Amino acid sequence: ENRSCLFFFLLFLRLFPMTPNWFLNL
């Protein structure tokens, strides 16, 4: 859904984690 602005979505996940960082890495 956020592929067009993927980098900013990834930043959002790191700053406001909807999922643990370890799971996002995996």
PDB file of all heavy atoms in Angstrom:
ATOM      1  N   GLU A   1       0.819  -1.214   0.000  1.00  0.00           N
ATOM      2  CA  GLU A   1       0.000   0.000   0.000  1.00  0.00           C
ATOM      3  C   GLU A   1       0.853   1.264   0.000  1.00  0.00           C
ATOM      4  O   GLU A   1       0.433   2.310  -0.503  1.00  0.00           O
ATOM      5  CB  GLU A   1      -0.917   0.008   1.226  1.00  0.00           C
ATOM      6  CG  GLU A   1      -2.053  -1.012   1.169  1.00  0.00           C
ATOM      7  CD  GLU A   1      -2.873  -1.027   2.444  1.00  0.00           C
ATOM      8  OE1 GLU A   1      -2.509  -0.293   3.396  1.00  0.00           O
ATOM      9  OE2 GLU A   1      -3.867  -1.778   2.501  1.00  0.00           O
ATOM     10  N   ASN A   2       2.065   1.162   0.560  1.00  0.00           N
ATOM     11  CA  ASN A   2       2.941   2.334   0.670  1.00  0.00           C
ATOM     12  C   ASN A   2       4.198   2.191  -0.189  1.00  0.00           C
ATOM     13  O   ASN A   2       5.207   2.836   0.078  1.00  0.00           O
ATOM     14  CB  ASN A   2       3.349   2.545   2.133  1.00  0.00           C
ATOM     15  CG  ASN A   2       2.175   2.910   3.025  1.00  0.00           C
ATOM     16  OD1 ASN A   2       1.740   4.046   3.068  1.00  0.00           O
ATOM     17  ND2 ASN A   2       1.654   1.912   3.746  1.00  0.00           N
ATOM     18  N   ARG A   3       4.111   1.364  -1.229  1.00  0.00           N
ATOM     19  CA  ARG A   3       5.279   1.116  -2.082  1.00  0.00           C
ATOM     20  C   ARG A   3       5.781   2.392  -2.750  1.00  0.00           C
ATOM     21  O   ARG A   3       6.980   2.559  -2.960  1.00  0.00           O
ATOM     22  CB  ARG A   3       4.907   0.074  -3.143  1.00  0.00           C
ATOM     23  CG  ARG A   3       6.036  -0.334  -4.071  1.00  0.00           C
ATOM     24  CD  ARG A   3       7.113  -1.113  -3.374  1.00  0.00           C
ATOM     25  NE  ARG A   3       6.680  -2.422  -2.922  1.00  0.00           N
ATOM     26  CZ  ARG A   3       7.507  -3.310  -2.360  1.00  0.00           C
ATOM     27  NH1 ARG A   3       8.793  -3.005  -2.180  1.00  0.00           N
ATOM     28  NH2 ARG A   3       7.048  -4.479  -1.939  1.00  0.00           N
ATOM     29  N   SER A   4       4.905   3.335  -3.055  1.00  0.00           N
ATOM     30  CA  SER A   4       5.314   4.566  -3.739  1.00  0.00           C
ATOM     31  C   SER A   4       6.164   5.471  -2.854  1.00  0.00           C
ATOM     32  O   SER A   4       6.913   6.308  -3.354  1.00  0.00           O
ATOM     33  CB  SER A   4       4.086   5.341  -4.229  1.00  0.00           C
ATOM     34  OG  SER A   4       3.251   5.698  -3.140  1.00  0.00           O
ATOM     35  N   CYS A   5       6.032   5.339  -1.554  1.00  0.00           N
ATOM     36  CA  CYS A   5       6.855   6.123  -0.617  1.00  0.00           C
ATOM     37  C   CYS A   5       7.414   5.173   0.437  1.00  0.00           C
ATOM     38  O   CYS A   5       7.287   5.412   1.641  1.00  0.00           O
ATOM     39  CB  CYS A   5       6.062   7.254   0.019  1.00  0.00           C
ATOM     40  SG  CYS A   5       4.441   6.780   0.643  1.00  0.00           S
ATOM     41  N   LEU A   6       8.011   4.088  -0.061  1.00  0.00           N
ATOM     42  CA  LEU A   6       8.441   2.993   0.801  1.00  0.00           C
ATOM     43  C   LEU A   6       9.466   3.428   1.836  1.00  0.00           C
ATOM     44  O   LEU A   6       9.403   3.018   2.997  1.00  0.00           O
ATOM     45  CB  LEU A   6       9.011   1.858  -0.060  1.00  0.00           C
ATOM     46  CG  LEU A   6       9.524   0.624   0.701  1.00  0.00           C
ATOM     47  CD1 LEU A   6       8.407  -0.004   1.512  1.00  0.00           C
ATOM     48  CD2 LEU A   6      10.112  -0.384  -0.284  1.00  0.00           C
ATOM     49  N   PHE A   7      10.413   4.270   1.434  1.00  0.00           N
ATOM     50  CA  PHE A   7      11.479   4.656   2.358  1.00  0.00           C
ATOM     51  C   PHE A   7      10.908   5.367   3.584  1.00  0.00           C
ATOM     52  O   PHE A   7      11.318   5.097   4.721  1.00  0.00           O
ATOM     53  CB  PHE A   7      12.498   5.556   1.653  1.00  0.00           C
ATOM     54  CG  PHE A   7      13.650   5.954   2.531  1.00  0.00           C
ATOM     55  CD1 PHE A   7      14.630   5.036   2.871  1.00  0.00           C
ATOM     56  CD2 PHE A   7      13.757   7.242   3.025  1.00  0.00           C
ATOM     57  CE1 PHE A   7      15.693   5.399   3.690  1.00  0.00           C
ATOM     58  CE2 PHE A   7      14.809   7.615   3.834  1.00  0.00           C
ATOM     59  CZ  PHE A   7      15.787   6.693   4.158  1.00  0.00           C
ATOM     60  N   PHE A   8       9.951   6.262   3.365  1.00  0.00           N
ATOM     61  CA  PHE A   8       9.364   6.990   4.497  1.00  0.00           C
ATOM     62  C   PHE A   8       8.490   6.064   5.344  1.00  0.00           C
ATOM     63  O   PHE A   8       8.384   6.247   6.564  1.00  0.00           O
ATOM     64  CB  PHE A   8       8.562   8.183   3.992  1.00  0.00           C
ATOM     65  CG  PHE A   8       9.415   9.263   3.428  1.00  0.00           C
ATOM     66  CD1 PHE A   8       9.611   9.369   2.057  1.00  0.00           C
ATOM     67  CD2 PHE A   8      10.057  10.169   4.254  1.00  0.00           C
ATOM     68  CE1 PHE A   8      10.416  10.353   1.526  1.00  0.00           C
ATOM     69  CE2 PHE A   8      10.869  11.166   3.735  1.00  0.00           C
ATOM     70  CZ  PHE A   8      11.050  11.262   2.371  1.00  0.00           C
ATOM     71  N   PHE A   9       7.888   5.056   4.725  1.00  0.00           N
ATOM     72  CA  PHE A   9       7.136   4.067   5.494  1.00  0.00           C
ATOM     73  C   PHE A   9       8.075   3.260   6.391  1.00  0.00           C
ATOM     74  O   PHE A   9       7.759   2.985   7.555  1.00  0.00           O
ATOM     75  CB  PHE A   9       6.378   3.140   4.547  1.00  0.00           C
ATOM     76  CG  PHE A   9       5.615   2.059   5.257  1.00  0.00           C
ATOM     77  CD1 PHE A   9       4.536   2.374   6.065  1.00  0.00           C
ATOM     78  CD2 PHE A   9       5.978   0.724   5.102  1.00  0.00           C
ATOM     79  CE1 PHE A   9       3.823   1.372   6.722  1.00  0.00           C
ATOM     80  CE2 PHE A   9       5.268  -0.276   5.756  1.00  0.00           C
ATOM     81  CZ  PHE A   9       4.192   0.051   6.568  1.00  0.00           C
ATOM     82  N   LEU A  10       9.245   2.898   5.865  1.00  0.00           N
ATOM     83  CA  LEU A  10      10.230   2.172   6.666  1.00  0.00           C
ATOM     84  C   LEU A  10      10.741   3.033   7.820  1.00  0.00           C
ATOM     85  O   LEU A  10      10.941   2.536   8.941  1.00  0.00           O
ATOM     86  CB  LEU A  10      11.396   1.720   5.785  1.00  0.00           C
ATOM     87  CG  LEU A  10      11.069   0.693   4.699  1.00  0.00           C
ATOM     88  CD1 LEU A  10      12.296   0.426   3.835  1.00  0.00           C
ATOM     89  CD2 LEU A  10      10.548  -0.601   5.323  1.00  0.00           C
ATOM     90  N   LEU A  11      10.942   4.327   7.554  1.00  0.00           N
ATOM     91  CA  LEU A  11      11.342   5.232   8.638  1.00  0.00           C
ATOM     92  C   LEU A  11      10.267   5.279   9.716  1.00  0.00           C
ATOM     93  O   LEU A  11      10.572   5.284  10.919  1.00  0.00           O
ATOM     94  CB  LEU A  11      11.595   6.643   8.091  1.00  0.00           C
ATOM     95  CG  LEU A  11      12.880   6.886   7.319  1.00  0.00           C
ATOM     96  CD1 LEU A  11      12.972   8.356   6.904  1.00  0.00           C
ATOM     97  CD2 LEU A  11      14.102   6.521   8.150  1.00  0.00           C
ATOM     98  N   PHE A  12       9.018   5.327   9.291  1.00  0.00           N
ATOM     99  CA  PHE A  12       7.911   5.367  10.246  1.00  0.00           C
ATOM    100  C   PHE A  12       7.914   4.105  11.120  1.00  0.00           C
ATOM    101  O   PHE A  12       7.717   4.179  12.338  1.00  0.00           O
ATOM    102  CB  PHE A  12       6.585   5.475   9.493  1.00  0.00           C
ATOM    103  CG  PHE A  12       5.387   5.513  10.397  1.00  0.00           C
ATOM    104  CD1 PHE A  12       4.925   6.710  10.918  1.00  0.00           C
ATOM    105  CD2 PHE A  12       4.716   4.341  10.740  1.00  0.00           C
ATOM    106  CE1 PHE A  12       3.834   6.745  11.767  1.00  0.00           C
ATOM    107  CE2 PHE A  12       3.618   4.366  11.580  1.00  0.00           C
ATOM    108  CZ  PHE A  12       3.178   5.572  12.097  1.00  0.00           C
ATOM    109  N   LEU A  13       8.151   2.954  10.512  1.00  0.00           N
ATOM    110  CA  LEU A  13       8.167   1.703  11.271  1.00  0.00           C
ATOM    111  C   LEU A  13       9.294   1.672  12.288  1.00  0.00           C
ATOM    112  O   LEU A  13       9.168   1.037  13.339  1.00  0.00           O
ATOM    113  CB  LEU A  13       8.302   0.513  10.315  1.00  0.00           C
ATOM    114  CG  LEU A  13       7.097   0.199   9.433  1.00  0.00           C
ATOM    115  CD1 LEU A  13       7.385  -1.022   8.568  1.00  0.00           C
ATOM    116  CD2 LEU A  13       5.849  -0.031  10.271  1.00  0.00           C
ATOM    117  N   ARG A  14      10.404   2.338  11.987  1.00  0.00           N
ATOM    118  CA  ARG A  14      11.522   2.363  12.933  1.00  0.00           C
ATOM    119  C   ARG A  14      11.263   3.355  14.077  1.00  0.00           C
ATOM    120  O   ARG A  14      11.597   3.087  15.230  1.00  0.00           O
ATOM    121  CB  ARG A  14      12.817   2.736  12.206  1.00  0.00           C
ATOM    122  CG  ARG A  14      13.252   1.740  11.144  1.00  0.00           C
ATOM    123  CD  ARG A  14      13.590   0.380  11.721  1.00  0.00           C
ATOM    124  NE  ARG A  14      14.006  -0.563  10.686  1.00  0.00           N
ATOM    125  CZ  ARG A  14      14.413  -1.806  10.924  1.00  0.00           C
ATOM    126  NH1 ARG A  14      14.454  -2.257  12.167  1.00  0.00           N
ATOM    127  NH2 ARG A  14      14.755  -2.603   9.930  1.00  0.00           N
ATOM    128  N   LEU A  15      10.679   4.488  13.740  1.00  0.00           N
ATOM    129  CA  LEU A  15      10.447   5.512  14.753  1.00  0.00           C
ATOM    130  C   LEU A  15       9.217   5.213  15.602  1.00  0.00           C
ATOM    131  O   LEU A  15       9.181   5.523  16.796  1.00  0.00           O
ATOM    132  CB  LEU A  15      10.302   6.879  14.085  1.00  0.00           C
ATOM    133  CG  LEU A  15      11.586   7.453  13.492  1.00  0.00           C
ATOM    134  CD1 LEU A  15      11.276   8.611  12.552  1.00  0.00           C
ATOM    135  CD2 LEU A  15      12.528   7.919  14.593  1.00  0.00           C
ATOM    136  N   PHE A  16       8.183   4.632  14.971  1.00  0.00           N
ATOM    137  CA  PHE A  16       6.941   4.285  15.670  1.00  0.00           C
ATOM    138  C   PHE A  16       6.634   2.820  15.366  1.00  0.00           C
ATOM    139  O   PHE A  16       5.763   2.523  14.549  1.00  0.00           O
ATOM    140  CB  PHE A  16       5.788   5.183  15.215  1.00  0.00           C
ATOM    141  CG  PHE A  16       6.066   6.646  15.379  1.00  0.00           C
ATOM    142  CD1 PHE A  16       6.510   7.402  14.305  1.00  0.00           C
ATOM    143  CD2 PHE A  16       5.896   7.269  16.599  1.00  0.00           C
ATOM    144  CE1 PHE A  16       6.775   8.755  14.443  1.00  0.00           C
ATOM    145  CE2 PHE A  16       6.153   8.619  16.750  1.00  0.00           C
ATOM    146  CZ  PHE A  16       6.596   9.365  15.672  1.00  0.00           C
ATOM    147  N   PRO A  17       7.348   1.909  16.006  1.00  0.00           N
ATOM    148  CA  PRO A  17       7.289   0.500  15.605  1.00  0.00           C
ATOM    149  C   PRO A  17       5.918  -0.139  15.782  1.00  0.00           C
ATOM    150  O   PRO A  17       5.415  -0.290  16.890  1.00  0.00           O
ATOM    151  CB  PRO A  17       8.327  -0.174  16.521  1.00  0.00           C
ATOM    152  CG  PRO A  17       8.479   0.755  17.676  1.00  0.00           C
ATOM    153  CD  PRO A  17       8.268   2.130  17.133  1.00  0.00           C
ATOM    154  N   MET A  18       5.289  -0.500  14.652  1.00  0.00           N
ATOM    155  CA  MET A  18       4.086  -1.316  14.664  1.00  0.00           C
ATOM    156  C   MET A  18       4.466  -2.780  14.859  1.00  0.00           C
ATOM    157  O   MET A  18       3.628  -3.606  15.214  1.00  0.00           O
ATOM    158  CB  MET A  18       3.333  -1.151  13.333  1.00  0.00           C
ATOM    159  CG  MET A  18       2.831   0.257  13.067  1.00  0.00           C
ATOM    160  SD  MET A  18       2.305   0.463  11.343  1.00  0.00           S
ATOM    161  CE  MET A  18       1.038  -0.795  11.202  1.00  0.00           C
ATOM    162  N   THR A  19       5.735  -3.087  14.598  1.00  0.00           N
ATOM    163  CA  THR A  19       6.250  -4.441  14.744  1.00  0.00           C
ATOM    164  C   THR A  19       7.656  -4.347  15.326  1.00  0.00           C
ATOM    165  O   THR A  19       8.350  -3.352  15.113  1.00  0.00           O
ATOM    166  CB  THR A  19       6.293  -5.142  13.373  1.00  0.00           C
ATOM    167  OG1 THR A  19       6.761  -6.477  13.541  1.00  0.00           O
ATOM    168  CG2 THR A  19       7.206  -4.418  12.402  1.00  0.00           C
ATOM    169  N   PRO A  20       8.111  -5.338  16.086  1.00  0.00           N
ATOM    170  CA  PRO A  20       9.466  -5.291  16.651  1.00  0.00           C
ATOM    171  C   PRO A  20      10.526  -5.174  15.561  1.00  0.00           C
ATOM    172  O   PRO A  20      10.366  -5.699  14.459  1.00  0.00           O
ATOM    173  CB  PRO A  20       9.576  -6.627  17.403  1.00  0.00           C
ATOM    174  CG  PRO A  20       8.174  -7.042  17.682  1.00  0.00           C
ATOM    175  CD  PRO A  20       7.360  -6.541  16.521  1.00  0.00           C
ATOM    176  N   ASN A  21      11.610  -4.499  15.886  1.00  0.00           N
ATOM    177  CA  ASN A  21      12.678  -4.318  14.901  1.00  0.00           C
ATOM    178  C   ASN A  21      13.254  -5.642  14.423  1.00  0.00           C
ATOM    179  O   ASN A  21      13.591  -5.794  13.240  1.00  0.00           O
ATOM    180  CB  ASN A  21      13.788  -3.442  15.500  1.00  0.00           C
ATOM    181  CG  ASN A  21      13.441  -1.972  15.483  1.00  0.00           C
ATOM    182  OD1 ASN A  21      13.022  -1.436  14.461  1.00  0.00           O
ATOM    183  ND2 ASN A  21      13.593  -1.311  16.610  1.00  0.00           N
ATOM    184  N   TRP A  22      13.377  -6.608  15.330  1.00  0.00           N
ATOM    185  CA  TRP A  22      13.957  -7.895  14.930  1.00  0.00           C
ATOM    186  C   TRP A  22      13.079  -8.584  13.881  1.00  0.00           C
ATOM    187  O   TRP A  22      13.602  -9.204  12.948  1.00  0.00           O
ATOM    188  CB  TRP A  22      14.169  -8.807  16.141  1.00  0.00           C
ATOM    189  CG  TRP A  22      12.920  -9.224  16.850  1.00  0.00           C
ATOM    190  CD1 TRP A  22      12.350  -8.620  17.932  1.00  0.00           C
ATOM    191  CD2 TRP A  22      12.063 -10.329  16.522  1.00  0.00           C
ATOM    192  NE1 TRP A  22      11.194  -9.283  18.305  1.00  0.00           N
ATOM    193  CE2 TRP A  22      10.997 -10.332  17.465  1.00  0.00           C
ATOM    194  CE3 TRP A  22      12.085 -11.315  15.529  1.00  0.00           C
ATOM    195  CZ2 TRP A  22       9.975 -11.282  17.433  1.00  0.00           C
ATOM    196  CZ3 TRP A  22      11.064 -12.259  15.496  1.00  0.00           C
ATOM    197  CH2 TRP A  22      10.030 -12.250  16.447  1.00  0.00           C
ATOM    198  N   PHE A  23      11.754  -8.452  14.017  1.00  0.00           N
ATOM    199  CA  PHE A  23      10.871  -9.094  13.046  1.00  0.00           C
ATOM    200  C   PHE A  23      10.916  -8.365  11.706  1.00  0.00           C
ATOM    201  O   PHE A  23      10.867  -9.004  10.639  1.00  0.00           O
ATOM    202  CB  PHE A  23       9.438  -9.126  13.576  1.00  0.00           C
ATOM    203  CG  PHE A  23       8.488  -9.817  12.642  1.00  0.00           C
ATOM    204  CD1 PHE A  23       8.514 -11.199  12.518  1.00  0.00           C
ATOM    205  CD2 PHE A  23       7.590  -9.093  11.866  1.00  0.00           C
ATOM    206  CE1 PHE A  23       7.649 -11.849  11.635  1.00  0.00           C
ATOM    207  CE2 PHE A  23       6.736  -9.734  10.996  1.00  0.00           C
ATOM    208  CZ  PHE A  23       6.762 -11.116  10.880  1.00  0.00           C
ATOM    209  N   LEU A  24      11.027  -7.055  11.748  1.00  0.00           N
ATOM    210  CA  LEU A  24      11.142  -6.293  10.506  1.00  0.00           C
ATOM    211  C   LEU A  24      12.425  -6.662   9.774  1.00  0.00           C
ATOM    212  O   LEU A  24      12.439  -6.786   8.544  1.00  0.00           O
ATOM    213  CB  LEU A  24      11.097  -4.795  10.806  1.00  0.00           C
ATOM    214  CG  LEU A  24      11.063  -3.851   9.600  1.00  0.00           C
ATOM    215  CD1 LEU A  24       9.882  -4.173   8.692  1.00  0.00           C
ATOM    216  CD2 LEU A  24      10.997  -2.405  10.063  1.00  0.00           C
ATOM    217  N   ASN A  25      13.519  -6.860  10.517  1.00  0.00           N
ATOM    218  CA  ASN A  25      14.782  -7.270   9.906  1.00  0.00           C
ATOM    219  C   ASN A  25      14.650  -8.637   9.230  1.00  0.00           C
ATOM    220  O   ASN A  25      15.157  -8.856   8.131  1.00  0.00           O
ATOM    221  CB  ASN A  25      15.884  -7.336  10.959  1.00  0.00           C
ATOM    222  CG  ASN A  25      16.207  -5.973  11.549  1.00  0.00           C
ATOM    223  OD1 ASN A  25      15.827  -4.943  11.003  1.00  0.00           O
ATOM    224  ND2 ASN A  25      16.890  -5.966  12.677  1.00  0.00           N
ATOM    225  N   LEU A  26      13.973  -9.559   9.916  1.00  0.00           N
ATOM    226  CA  LEU A  26      13.833 -10.921   9.375  1.00  0.00           C
ATOM    227  C   LEU A  26      12.878 -10.987   8.190  1.00  0.00           C
ATOM    228  O   LEU A  26      13.084 -11.775   7.259  1.00  0.00           O
ATOM    229  CB  LEU A  26      13.335 -11.861  10.485  1.00  0.00           C
ATOM    230  CG  LEU A  26      14.308 -12.179  11.622  1.00  0.00           C
ATOM    231  CD1 LEU A  26      13.607 -12.986  12.707  1.00  0.00           C
ATOM    232  CD2 LEU A  26      15.529 -12.922  11.105  1.00  0.00           C
TER     233      LEU A  26
END
